[in-house]
């Protein structure tokens, strides 16, 4: 039993997906379609930023979110073309980490590519606007805490006044909040025996209540977008369970903006349902690496190059 998963922010790198663009028409068509949809909004080709950078532009949330989705779907469609199969019929589940959930929904036939690109543009724009919440303060709005049990972290975040944003598994948890609160949680976690507690280079406090203005904007944009029943069940971040109902997906995507990414629980759910193989589709190998620590009995791999497709086949 196989699951396809799609990466989130942090996996981006200049040049990602370019070999697919140059060697497969279906991949080129994917990039070209996103370019045509987003050009009026970005006033430039997203593919140019993806392939040429500069890196500090690609890492801006406004560009990163649709860029990672485009690469994931280009690789996904290339694999379908190469195998000459409908991958939705070959997967038990799909899932994505944060923005990767949009990629999963697109691959599962819930949202069209054009609509997915537009939603991620607005999501990135809304999240960027939230970055001004405490821009006058020094420090980071998010931090990675490694090596503490979840119940300990729940207590520490309550004391610091911040929130658990990502339960990534493998002892890795990301917290989010006002910059002063993040400074406090880093100190508290270090004193509590964390192996590492370090600020992240991000622009906004993702996946916490401070993102409510972005959630409100996304509620409007998602309500205006057509969603369809999933051809393959998609495990949503906020439920850590498989869903197929388009109305539920709409609700969960809005909740996801401020809600916790329950990735550890999502992988454990797949394992409990009999998943034996997990394939990460897109830039990087972050999710495959996390899976090996969360559920080592699952054979986790990643496809982000043409050679990877050959090996998969």
C-alpha atoms as a PDB file:
ATOM      1  CA  UNK A   1       0.000   0.000   0.000  1.00  0.00           C
ATOM      2  CA  UNK A   2       1.466   3.338  -1.084  1.00  0.00           C
ATOM      3  CA  UNK A   3       1.046   7.000  -0.110  1.00  0.00           C
ATOM      4  CA  UNK A   4       2.250  10.070  -2.004  1.00  0.00           C
ATOM      5  CA  UNK A   5       3.280  13.095   0.077  1.00  0.00           C
ATOM      6  CA  UNK A   6       4.216  16.644  -0.844  1.00  0.00           C
ATOM      7  CA  UNK A   7       6.732  18.967   0.879  1.00  0.00           C
ATOM      8  CA  UNK A   8       6.172  22.368   2.444  1.00  0.00           C
ATOM      9  CA  UNK A   9       8.117  25.574   2.924  1.00  0.00           C
ATOM     10  CA  UNK A  10      11.815  25.118   3.572  1.00  0.00           C
ATOM     11  CA  UNK A  11      12.365  22.551   0.799  1.00  0.00           C
ATOM     12  CA  UNK A  12      12.798  25.157  -1.930  1.00  0.00           C
ATOM     13  CA  UNK A  13      16.069  25.515  -3.838  1.00  0.00           C
ATOM     14  CA  UNK A  14      16.934  27.521  -6.953  1.00  0.00           C
ATOM     15  CA  UNK A  15      16.810  25.270 -10.016  1.00  0.00           C
ATOM     16  CA  UNK A  16      14.336  22.776  -8.574  1.00  0.00           C
ATOM     17  CA  UNK A  17      12.338  20.970 -11.246  1.00  0.00           C
ATOM     18  CA  UNK A  18      14.320  22.445 -14.132  1.00  0.00           C
ATOM     19  CA  UNK A  19      15.459  19.050 -15.450  1.00  0.00           C
ATOM     20  CA  UNK A  20      11.815  17.975 -15.695  1.00  0.00           C
ATOM     21  CA  UNK A  21      10.904  21.234 -17.445  1.00  0.00           C
ATOM     22  CA  UNK A  22      13.640  20.704 -20.036  1.00  0.00           C
ATOM     23  CA  UNK A  23      13.024  16.996 -20.723  1.00  0.00           C
ATOM     24  CA  UNK A  24       9.272  16.417 -20.372  1.00  0.00           C
ATOM     25  CA  UNK A  25       6.569  18.357 -22.213  1.00  0.00           C
ATOM     26  CA  UNK A  26       3.991  17.553 -19.540  1.00  0.00           C
ATOM     27  CA  UNK A  27       6.234  19.133 -16.904  1.00  0.00           C
ATOM     28  CA  UNK A  28       6.870  22.175 -19.112  1.00  0.00           C
ATOM     29  CA  UNK A  29       3.117  22.516 -19.658  1.00  0.00           C
ATOM     30  CA  UNK A  30       2.625  22.498 -15.866  1.00  0.00           C
ATOM     31  CA  UNK A  31       5.125  25.318 -15.331  1.00  0.00           C
ATOM     32  CA  UNK A  32       3.715  27.252 -18.307  1.00  0.00           C
ATOM     33  CA  UNK A  33       0.146  27.000 -16.998  1.00  0.00           C
ATOM     34  CA  UNK A  34       1.135  28.340 -13.583  1.00  0.00           C
ATOM     35  CA  UNK A  35       3.145  31.108 -15.255  1.00  0.00           C
ATOM     36  CA  UNK A  36       0.113  32.186 -17.302  1.00  0.00           C
ATOM     37  CA  UNK A  37      -2.157  32.170 -14.243  1.00  0.00           C
ATOM     38  CA  UNK A  38       0.187  34.061 -11.912  1.00  0.00           C
ATOM     39  CA  UNK A  39       1.903  36.454 -14.345  1.00  0.00           C
ATOM     40  CA  UNK A  40      -0.835  39.133 -13.935  1.00  0.00           C
ATOM     41  CA  UNK A  41      -0.398  38.907 -10.148  1.00  0.00           C
ATOM     42  CA  UNK A  42       3.389  38.540  -9.873  1.00  0.00           C
ATOM     43  CA  UNK A  43       4.205  40.689 -12.950  1.00  0.00           C
ATOM     44  CA  UNK A  44       6.863  38.128 -13.911  1.00  0.00           C
ATOM     45  CA  UNK A  45       7.221  34.431 -14.637  1.00  0.00           C
ATOM     46  CA  UNK A  46       7.301  32.273 -11.539  1.00  0.00           C
ATOM     47  CA  UNK A  47       9.372  29.708 -13.467  1.00  0.00           C
ATOM     48  CA  UNK A  48      12.132  32.291 -13.962  1.00  0.00           C
ATOM     49  CA  UNK A  49      12.375  32.794 -10.215  1.00  0.00           C
ATOM     50  CA  UNK A  50      12.322  29.022  -9.643  1.00  0.00           C
ATOM     51  CA  UNK A  51      15.078  28.292 -12.153  1.00  0.00           C
ATOM     52  CA  UNK A  52      17.238  31.413 -11.853  1.00  0.00           C
ATOM     53  CA  UNK A  53      16.504  32.871  -8.429  1.00  0.00           C
ATOM     54  CA  UNK A  54      17.917  34.788  -6.731  1.00  0.00           C
ATOM     55  CA  UNK A  55      17.526  32.603  -3.662  1.00  0.00           C
ATOM     56  CA  UNK A  56      16.403  35.463  -1.421  1.00  0.00           C
ATOM     57  CA  UNK A  57      13.483  36.080  -3.798  1.00  0.00           C
ATOM     58  CA  UNK A  58      12.507  32.417  -4.072  1.00  0.00           C
ATOM     59  CA  UNK A  59      12.498  32.092  -0.272  1.00  0.00           C
ATOM     60  CA  UNK A  60       9.935  34.898   0.074  1.00  0.00           C
ATOM     61  CA  UNK A  61       6.659  33.270   1.103  1.00  0.00           C
ATOM     62  CA  UNK A  62       4.795  34.948  -1.743  1.00  0.00           C
ATOM     63  CA  UNK A  63       6.894  32.995  -4.291  1.00  0.00           C
ATOM     64  CA  UNK A  64       7.853  29.909  -2.299  1.00  0.00           C
ATOM     65  CA  UNK A  65       4.343  28.571  -1.834  1.00  0.00           C
ATOM     66  CA  UNK A  66       3.170  28.406  -5.479  1.00  0.00           C
ATOM     67  CA  UNK A  67       6.723  27.482  -6.567  1.00  0.00           C
ATOM     68  CA  UNK A  68       6.959  24.340  -4.436  1.00  0.00           C
ATOM     69  CA  UNK A  69       3.466  23.265  -5.501  1.00  0.00           C
ATOM     70  CA  UNK A  70       4.319  23.741  -9.180  1.00  0.00           C
ATOM     71  CA  UNK A  71       7.446  21.603  -8.901  1.00  0.00           C
ATOM     72  CA  UNK A  72       5.587  18.887  -6.997  1.00  0.00           C
ATOM     73  CA  UNK A  73       2.759  18.681  -9.538  1.00  0.00           C
ATOM     74  CA  UNK A  74       5.200  18.783 -12.487  1.00  0.00           C
ATOM     75  CA  UNK A  75       7.049  15.788 -11.028  1.00  0.00           C
ATOM     76  CA  UNK A  76       3.792  14.012 -10.157  1.00  0.00           C
ATOM     77  CA  UNK A  77       2.441  14.431 -13.693  1.00  0.00           C
ATOM     78  CA  UNK A  78       5.752  13.356 -15.204  1.00  0.00           C
ATOM     79  CA  UNK A  79       5.636  10.144 -13.197  1.00  0.00           C
ATOM     80  CA  UNK A  80       2.052   9.524 -14.347  1.00  0.00           C
ATOM     81  CA  UNK A  81       3.097  10.111 -17.961  1.00  0.00           C
ATOM     82  CA  UNK A  82       6.159   7.892 -17.690  1.00  0.00           C
ATOM     83  CA  UNK A  83       4.228   5.022 -16.109  1.00  0.00           C
ATOM     84  CA  UNK A  84       1.121   5.670 -18.250  1.00  0.00           C
ATOM     85  CA  UNK A  85      -1.123   5.255 -15.209  1.00  0.00           C
ATOM     86  CA  UNK A  86      -3.478   7.340 -13.120  1.00  0.00           C
ATOM     87  CA  UNK A  87      -1.585   7.598  -9.848  1.00  0.00           C
ATOM     88  CA  UNK A  88      -4.768   8.340  -7.906  1.00  0.00           C
ATOM     89  CA  UNK A  89      -5.693   4.700  -8.557  1.00  0.00           C
ATOM     90  CA  UNK A  90      -2.305   3.514  -7.317  1.00  0.00           C
ATOM     91  CA  UNK A  91      -2.264   5.332  -3.971  1.00  0.00           C
ATOM     92  CA  UNK A  92      -4.102   4.622  -0.742  1.00  0.00           C
ATOM     93  CA  UNK A  93      -3.572   8.168   0.568  1.00  0.00           C
ATOM     94  CA  UNK A  94      -2.060  11.531  -0.242  1.00  0.00           C
ATOM     95  CA  UNK A  95      -0.863  14.161   2.194  1.00  0.00           C
ATOM     96  CA  UNK A  96       1.210  17.326   2.281  1.00  0.00           C
ATOM     97  CA  UNK A  97       3.029  19.339   4.913  1.00  0.00           C
ATOM     98  CA  UNK A  98       1.431  22.774   5.350  1.00  0.00           C
ATOM     99  CA  UNK A  99       1.325  24.291   1.827  1.00  0.00           C
ATOM    100  CA  UNK A 100       2.043  20.765   0.568  1.00  0.00           C
ATOM    101  CA  UNK A 101      -1.557  19.922   1.447  1.00  0.00           C
ATOM    102  CA  UNK A 102      -2.576  22.111  -1.506  1.00  0.00           C
ATOM    103  CA  UNK A 103      -0.283  20.035  -3.752  1.00  0.00           C
ATOM    104  CA  UNK A 104      -1.871  16.848  -2.412  1.00  0.00           C
ATOM    105  CA  UNK A 105      -5.369  18.176  -3.078  1.00  0.00           C
ATOM    106  CA  UNK A 106      -4.393  19.179  -6.606  1.00  0.00           C
ATOM    107  CA  UNK A 107      -2.872  15.738  -7.281  1.00  0.00           C
ATOM    108  CA  UNK A 108      -6.003  14.063  -5.859  1.00  0.00           C
ATOM    109  CA  UNK A 109      -8.246  16.009  -8.240  1.00  0.00           C
ATOM    110  CA  UNK A 110      -9.847  18.209  -5.570  1.00  0.00           C
ATOM    111  CA  UNK A 111      -8.594  21.559  -6.925  1.00  0.00           C
ATOM    112  CA  UNK A 112      -7.485  22.440 -10.467  1.00  0.00           C
ATOM    113  CA  UNK A 113      -3.862  23.435 -11.026  1.00  0.00           C
ATOM    114  CA  UNK A 114      -4.849  26.995 -11.932  1.00  0.00           C
ATOM    115  CA  UNK A 115      -6.976  27.408  -8.823  1.00  0.00           C
ATOM    116  CA  UNK A 116      -4.301  25.831  -6.613  1.00  0.00           C
ATOM    117  CA  UNK A 117      -1.711  28.295  -7.920  1.00  0.00           C
ATOM    118  CA  UNK A 118      -3.993  31.250  -7.261  1.00  0.00           C
ATOM    119  CA  UNK A 119      -4.921  30.074  -3.764  1.00  0.00           C
ATOM    120  CA  UNK A 120      -1.262  29.674  -2.833  1.00  0.00           C
ATOM    121  CA  UNK A 121      -0.449  33.116  -4.204  1.00  0.00           C
ATOM    122  CA  UNK A 122      -3.138  34.636  -1.968  1.00  0.00           C
ATOM    123  CA  UNK A 123      -2.079  32.443   0.954  1.00  0.00           C
ATOM    124  CA  UNK A 124       1.537  33.577   0.610  1.00  0.00           C
ATOM    125  CA  UNK A 125       0.470  37.208   0.234  1.00  0.00           C
ATOM    126  CA  UNK A 126      -1.817  37.075   3.276  1.00  0.00           C
ATOM    127  CA  UNK A 127       0.830  35.387   5.415  1.00  0.00           C
ATOM    128  CA  UNK A 128       3.423  37.945   4.324  1.00  0.00           C
ATOM    129  CA  UNK A 129       1.124  40.763   5.405  1.00  0.00           C
ATOM    130  CA  UNK A 130       0.838  39.104   8.818  1.00  0.00           C
ATOM    131  CA  UNK A 131       4.631  39.375   9.165  1.00  0.00           C
ATOM    132  CA  UNK A 132       4.190  43.022  10.204  1.00  0.00           C
ATOM    133  CA  UNK A 133       2.490  41.993  13.475  1.00  0.00           C
ATOM    134  CA  UNK A 134       5.614  42.473  15.580  1.00  0.00           C
ATOM    135  CA  UNK A 135       8.121  43.661  12.991  1.00  0.00           C
ATOM    136  CA  UNK A 136       9.474  46.265  15.410  1.00  0.00           C
ATOM    137  CA  UNK A 137      10.798  43.537  17.725  1.00  0.00           C
ATOM    138  CA  UNK A 138      14.095  41.747  17.231  1.00  0.00           C
ATOM    139  CA  UNK A 139      14.252  37.989  16.888  1.00  0.00           C
ATOM    140  CA  UNK A 140      12.279  35.290  15.127  1.00  0.00           C
ATOM    141  CA  UNK A 141       8.543  34.469  15.258  1.00  0.00           C
ATOM    142  CA  UNK A 142       9.251  30.722  15.123  1.00  0.00           C
ATOM    143  CA  UNK A 143      11.727  28.250  16.624  1.00  0.00           C
ATOM    144  CA  UNK A 144      12.595  24.567  16.323  1.00  0.00           C
ATOM    145  CA  UNK A 145      12.731  22.577  19.553  1.00  0.00           C
ATOM    146  CA  UNK A 146      14.411  19.174  19.403  1.00  0.00           C
ATOM    147  CA  UNK A 147      14.496  16.504  22.053  1.00  0.00           C
ATOM    148  CA  UNK A 148      11.608  17.296  24.399  1.00  0.00           C
ATOM    149  CA  UNK A 149       8.453  15.252  24.969  1.00  0.00           C
ATOM    150  CA  UNK A 150       5.216  16.774  23.689  1.00  0.00           C
ATOM    151  CA  UNK A 151       3.626  17.103  27.135  1.00  0.00           C
ATOM    152  CA  UNK A 152       6.671  19.049  28.354  1.00  0.00           C
ATOM    153  CA  UNK A 153       6.481  21.370  25.351  1.00  0.00           C
ATOM    154  CA  UNK A 154       2.754  21.885  25.803  1.00  0.00           C
ATOM    155  CA  UNK A 155       3.484  23.139  29.330  1.00  0.00           C
ATOM    156  CA  UNK A 156       6.411  25.341  28.255  1.00  0.00           C
ATOM    157  CA  UNK A 157       4.515  26.989  25.402  1.00  0.00           C
ATOM    158  CA  UNK A 158       1.683  27.765  27.799  1.00  0.00           C
ATOM    159  CA  UNK A 159       4.141  29.472  30.149  1.00  0.00           C
ATOM    160  CA  UNK A 160       5.880  31.369  27.330  1.00  0.00           C
ATOM    161  CA  UNK A 161       2.675  32.458  25.616  1.00  0.00           C
ATOM    162  CA  UNK A 162       3.424  30.831  22.265  1.00  0.00           C
ATOM    163  CA  UNK A 163       2.014  27.880  20.327  1.00  0.00           C
ATOM    164  CA  UNK A 164       3.030  24.535  18.855  1.00  0.00           C
ATOM    165  CA  UNK A 165       2.895  25.046  15.084  1.00  0.00           C
ATOM    166  CA  UNK A 166       4.328  21.810  13.664  1.00  0.00           C
ATOM    167  CA  UNK A 167       4.528  18.411  15.313  1.00  0.00           C
ATOM    168  CA  UNK A 168       7.002  17.046  12.773  1.00  0.00           C
ATOM    169  CA  UNK A 169       7.950  13.842  14.584  1.00  0.00           C
ATOM    170  CA  UNK A 170      11.343  12.400  15.328  1.00  0.00           C
ATOM    171  CA  UNK A 171      11.534  14.634  18.400  1.00  0.00           C
ATOM    172  CA  UNK A 172      11.256  17.791  16.255  1.00  0.00           C
ATOM    173  CA  UNK A 173       8.611  20.381  17.114  1.00  0.00           C
ATOM    174  CA  UNK A 174       8.254  23.911  15.731  1.00  0.00           C
ATOM    175  CA  UNK A 175       6.745  26.641  17.894  1.00  0.00           C
ATOM    176  CA  UNK A 176       5.266  29.932  16.771  1.00  0.00           C
ATOM    177  CA  UNK A 177       4.218  33.242  18.299  1.00  0.00           C
ATOM    178  CA  UNK A 178       5.286  36.786  19.090  1.00  0.00           C
ATOM    179  CA  UNK A 179       9.063  37.246  18.946  1.00  0.00           C
ATOM    180  CA  UNK A 180       9.366  37.928  22.689  1.00  0.00           C
ATOM    181  CA  UNK A 181       7.487  34.696  23.403  1.00  0.00           C
ATOM    182  CA  UNK A 182       9.795  32.749  21.092  1.00  0.00           C
ATOM    183  CA  UNK A 183      12.843  34.126  22.890  1.00  0.00           C
ATOM    184  CA  UNK A 184      11.277  32.955  26.150  1.00  0.00           C
ATOM    185  CA  UNK A 185      10.443  29.441  24.909  1.00  0.00           C
ATOM    186  CA  UNK A 186      13.977  28.969  23.596  1.00  0.00           C
ATOM    187  CA  UNK A 187      15.331  29.784  27.047  1.00  0.00           C
ATOM    188  CA  UNK A 188      12.784  27.579  28.831  1.00  0.00           C
ATOM    189  CA  UNK A 189      13.320  24.651  26.462  1.00  0.00           C
ATOM    190  CA  UNK A 190      17.095  24.853  26.824  1.00  0.00           C
ATOM    191  CA  UNK A 191      16.797  24.811  30.613  1.00  0.00           C
ATOM    192  CA  UNK A 192      14.363  21.865  30.377  1.00  0.00           C
ATOM    193  CA  UNK A 193      16.981  19.782  28.566  1.00  0.00           C
ATOM    194  CA  UNK A 194      16.195  20.222  24.870  1.00  0.00           C
ATOM    195  CA  UNK A 195      18.940  18.923  22.591  1.00  0.00           C
ATOM    196  CA  UNK A 196      18.521  22.024  20.452  1.00  0.00           C
ATOM    197  CA  UNK A 197      16.337  25.112  20.606  1.00  0.00           C
ATOM    198  CA  UNK A 198      16.977  27.559  17.804  1.00  0.00           C
ATOM    199  CA  UNK A 199      15.163  30.422  16.071  1.00  0.00           C
ATOM    200  CA  UNK A 200      14.076  29.906  12.457  1.00  0.00           C
ATOM    201  CA  UNK A 201      14.710  32.305   9.590  1.00  0.00           C
ATOM    202  CA  UNK A 202      11.062  32.937   8.718  1.00  0.00           C
ATOM    203  CA  UNK A 203       9.070  36.097   8.248  1.00  0.00           C
ATOM    204  CA  UNK A 204       5.877  35.362  10.180  1.00  0.00           C
ATOM    205  CA  UNK A 205       4.443  33.236  13.029  1.00  0.00           C
ATOM    206  CA  UNK A 206       2.901  30.527  10.854  1.00  0.00           C
ATOM    207  CA  UNK A 207       0.266  28.077  12.128  1.00  0.00           C
ATOM    208  CA  UNK A 208      -0.794  29.952  15.229  1.00  0.00           C
ATOM    209  CA  UNK A 209      -3.666  32.311  16.197  1.00  0.00           C
ATOM    210  CA  UNK A 210      -1.607  35.374  15.190  1.00  0.00           C
ATOM    211  CA  UNK A 211      -2.298  34.347  11.570  1.00  0.00           C
ATOM    212  CA  UNK A 212      -6.064  34.905  11.939  1.00  0.00           C
ATOM    213  CA  UNK A 213      -6.105  37.840   9.466  1.00  0.00           C
ATOM    214  CA  UNK A 214      -4.629  35.493   6.847  1.00  0.00           C
ATOM    215  CA  UNK A 215      -7.175  32.810   7.730  1.00  0.00           C
ATOM    216  CA  UNK A 216      -9.993  35.319   7.175  1.00  0.00           C
ATOM    217  CA  UNK A 217      -8.656  36.184   3.727  1.00  0.00           C
ATOM    218  CA  UNK A 218      -8.250  32.516   2.814  1.00  0.00           C
ATOM    219  CA  UNK A 219     -11.793  31.761   3.965  1.00  0.00           C
ATOM    220  CA  UNK A 220     -13.047  34.207   1.329  1.00  0.00           C
ATOM    221  CA  UNK A 221     -10.760  32.957  -1.445  1.00  0.00           C
ATOM    222  CA  UNK A 222     -11.467  29.278  -0.728  1.00  0.00           C
ATOM    223  CA  UNK A 223     -15.233  29.889  -0.627  1.00  0.00           C
ATOM    224  CA  UNK A 224     -14.995  31.295  -4.164  1.00  0.00           C
ATOM    225  CA  UNK A 225     -13.061  28.253  -5.478  1.00  0.00           C
ATOM    226  CA  UNK A 226     -14.500  25.014  -6.857  1.00  0.00           C
ATOM    227  CA  UNK A 227     -13.520  21.897  -4.872  1.00  0.00           C
ATOM    228  CA  UNK A 228     -14.339  18.336  -5.978  1.00  0.00           C
ATOM    229  CA  UNK A 229     -14.448  14.946  -4.187  1.00  0.00           C
ATOM    230  CA  UNK A 230     -10.971  13.451  -3.807  1.00  0.00           C
ATOM    231  CA  UNK A 231     -10.051  10.622  -6.180  1.00  0.00           C
ATOM    232  CA  UNK A 232      -7.654   9.464  -3.465  1.00  0.00           C
ATOM    233  CA  UNK A 233      -8.283  10.212   0.239  1.00  0.00           C
ATOM    234  CA  UNK A 234      -6.159  13.112   1.497  1.00  0.00           C
ATOM    235  CA  UNK A 235      -4.912  13.255   5.097  1.00  0.00           C
ATOM    236  CA  UNK A 236      -5.367  16.834   6.249  1.00  0.00           C
ATOM    237  CA  UNK A 237      -2.949  18.590   8.576  1.00  0.00           C
ATOM    238  CA  UNK A 238      -5.533  19.614  11.150  1.00  0.00           C
ATOM    239  CA  UNK A 239      -7.267  16.222  11.403  1.00  0.00           C
ATOM    240  CA  UNK A 240      -4.368  13.783  10.846  1.00  0.00           C
ATOM    241  CA  UNK A 241      -6.988  11.539   9.214  1.00  0.00           C
ATOM    242  CA  UNK A 242      -8.104  10.722   5.671  1.00  0.00           C
ATOM    243  CA  UNK A 243     -10.835  12.868   4.108  1.00  0.00           C
ATOM    244  CA  UNK A 244     -12.633  12.932   0.746  1.00  0.00           C
ATOM    245  CA  UNK A 245     -15.400  15.520   1.189  1.00  0.00           C
ATOM    246  CA  UNK A 246     -14.684  18.783  -0.697  1.00  0.00           C
ATOM    247  CA  UNK A 247     -16.542  20.897   1.873  1.00  0.00           C
ATOM    248  CA  UNK A 248     -14.433  19.408   4.646  1.00  0.00           C
ATOM    249  CA  UNK A 249     -11.260  20.206   2.701  1.00  0.00           C
ATOM    250  CA  UNK A 250     -12.370  23.824   2.413  1.00  0.00           C
ATOM    251  CA  UNK A 251     -12.926  24.062   6.162  1.00  0.00           C
ATOM    252  CA  UNK A 252      -9.659  22.342   7.024  1.00  0.00           C
ATOM    253  CA  UNK A 253      -7.582  24.577   4.728  1.00  0.00           C
ATOM    254  CA  UNK A 254      -8.933  27.638   6.521  1.00  0.00           C
ATOM    255  CA  UNK A 255      -8.307  26.068   9.931  1.00  0.00           C
ATOM    256  CA  UNK A 256      -4.816  25.043   8.821  1.00  0.00           C
ATOM    257  CA  UNK A 257      -3.655  28.681   8.594  1.00  0.00           C
ATOM    258  CA  UNK A 258      -3.828  29.049  12.378  1.00  0.00           C
ATOM    259  CA  UNK A 259      -3.847  25.359  13.280  1.00  0.00           C
ATOM    260  CA  UNK A 260      -1.159  22.852  14.155  1.00  0.00           C
ATOM    261  CA  UNK A 261       0.434  20.744  11.418  1.00  0.00           C
ATOM    262  CA  UNK A 262      -0.024  17.253  12.872  1.00  0.00           C
ATOM    263  CA  UNK A 263       2.539  15.554  10.658  1.00  0.00           C
ATOM    264  CA  UNK A 264       3.740  12.934  13.162  1.00  0.00           C
ATOM    265  CA  UNK A 265       0.168  11.815  13.735  1.00  0.00           C
ATOM    266  CA  UNK A 266      -0.515  11.831   9.989  1.00  0.00           C
ATOM    267  CA  UNK A 267       2.373   9.442   9.327  1.00  0.00           C
ATOM    268  CA  UNK A 268       1.298   7.216  12.216  1.00  0.00           C
ATOM    269  CA  UNK A 269      -2.226   7.164  10.756  1.00  0.00           C
ATOM    270  CA  UNK A 270      -0.838   5.938   7.430  1.00  0.00           C
ATOM    271  CA  UNK A 271       1.154   3.256   9.197  1.00  0.00           C
ATOM    272  CA  UNK A 272      -1.931   2.143  11.135  1.00  0.00           C
ATOM    273  CA  UNK A 273      -3.833   1.803   7.854  1.00  0.00           C
ATOM    274  CA  UNK A 274      -1.228  -0.514   6.347  1.00  0.00           C
ATOM    275  CA  UNK A 275       0.864   1.891   4.250  1.00  0.00           C
ATOM    276  CA  UNK A 276       4.157   0.187   3.393  1.00  0.00           C
ATOM    277  CA  UNK A 277       5.636   2.729   0.952  1.00  0.00           C
ATOM    278  CA  UNK A 278       5.700   6.520   1.141  1.00  0.00           C
ATOM    279  CA  UNK A 279       6.921   8.558  -1.824  1.00  0.00           C
ATOM    280  CA  UNK A 280       7.720  12.257  -1.454  1.00  0.00           C
ATOM    281  CA  UNK A 281       7.018  14.182  -4.664  1.00  0.00           C
ATOM    282  CA  UNK A 282       8.837  17.494  -5.051  1.00  0.00           C
ATOM    283  CA  UNK A 283      11.922  19.359  -3.960  1.00  0.00           C
ATOM    284  CA  UNK A 284      14.032  17.852  -1.192  1.00  0.00           C
ATOM    285  CA  UNK A 285      13.693  14.794   1.023  1.00  0.00           C
ATOM    286  CA  UNK A 286      12.511  16.298   4.313  1.00  0.00           C
ATOM    287  CA  UNK A 287       9.298  14.283   4.630  1.00  0.00           C
ATOM    288  CA  UNK A 288      10.978  11.020   3.664  1.00  0.00           C
ATOM    289  CA  UNK A 289      13.549  11.645   6.384  1.00  0.00           C
ATOM    290  CA  UNK A 290      10.883  12.394   8.984  1.00  0.00           C
ATOM    291  CA  UNK A 291       8.973   9.250   8.037  1.00  0.00           C
ATOM    292  CA  UNK A 292      12.022   7.085   8.653  1.00  0.00           C
ATOM    293  CA  UNK A 293      12.128   8.380  12.229  1.00  0.00           C
ATOM    294  CA  UNK A 294       8.369   8.298  12.872  1.00  0.00           C
ATOM    295  CA  UNK A 295       7.484   4.959  11.240  1.00  0.00           C
ATOM    296  CA  UNK A 296      10.691   3.119  10.305  1.00  0.00           C
ATOM    297  CA  UNK A 297       8.738   0.138   8.950  1.00  0.00           C
ATOM    298  CA  UNK A 298       7.465   2.307   6.081  1.00  0.00           C
ATOM    299  CA  UNK A 299       9.772   2.361   3.057  1.00  0.00           C
ATOM    300  CA  UNK A 300      10.176   6.119   2.520  1.00  0.00           C
ATOM    301  CA  UNK A 301      11.717   7.581  -0.636  1.00  0.00           C
ATOM    302  CA  UNK A 302      11.714  10.847  -2.594  1.00  0.00           C
ATOM    303  CA  UNK A 303      11.410  11.749  -6.259  1.00  0.00           C
ATOM    304  CA  UNK A 304      13.016  15.052  -7.179  1.00  0.00           C
ATOM    305  CA  UNK A 305      15.152  14.158 -10.196  1.00  0.00           C
ATOM    306  CA  UNK A 306      14.789  12.226 -13.445  1.00  0.00           C
ATOM    307  CA  UNK A 307      17.161   9.595 -12.033  1.00  0.00           C
ATOM    308  CA  UNK A 308      14.755   9.177  -9.089  1.00  0.00           C
ATOM    309  CA  UNK A 309      11.946   8.368 -11.512  1.00  0.00           C
ATOM    310  CA  UNK A 310      14.090   5.754 -13.220  1.00  0.00           C
ATOM    311  CA  UNK A 311      14.905   4.206  -9.839  1.00  0.00           C
ATOM    312  CA  UNK A 312      11.229   4.272  -8.811  1.00  0.00           C
ATOM    313  CA  UNK A 313      10.205   2.458 -11.990  1.00  0.00           C
END
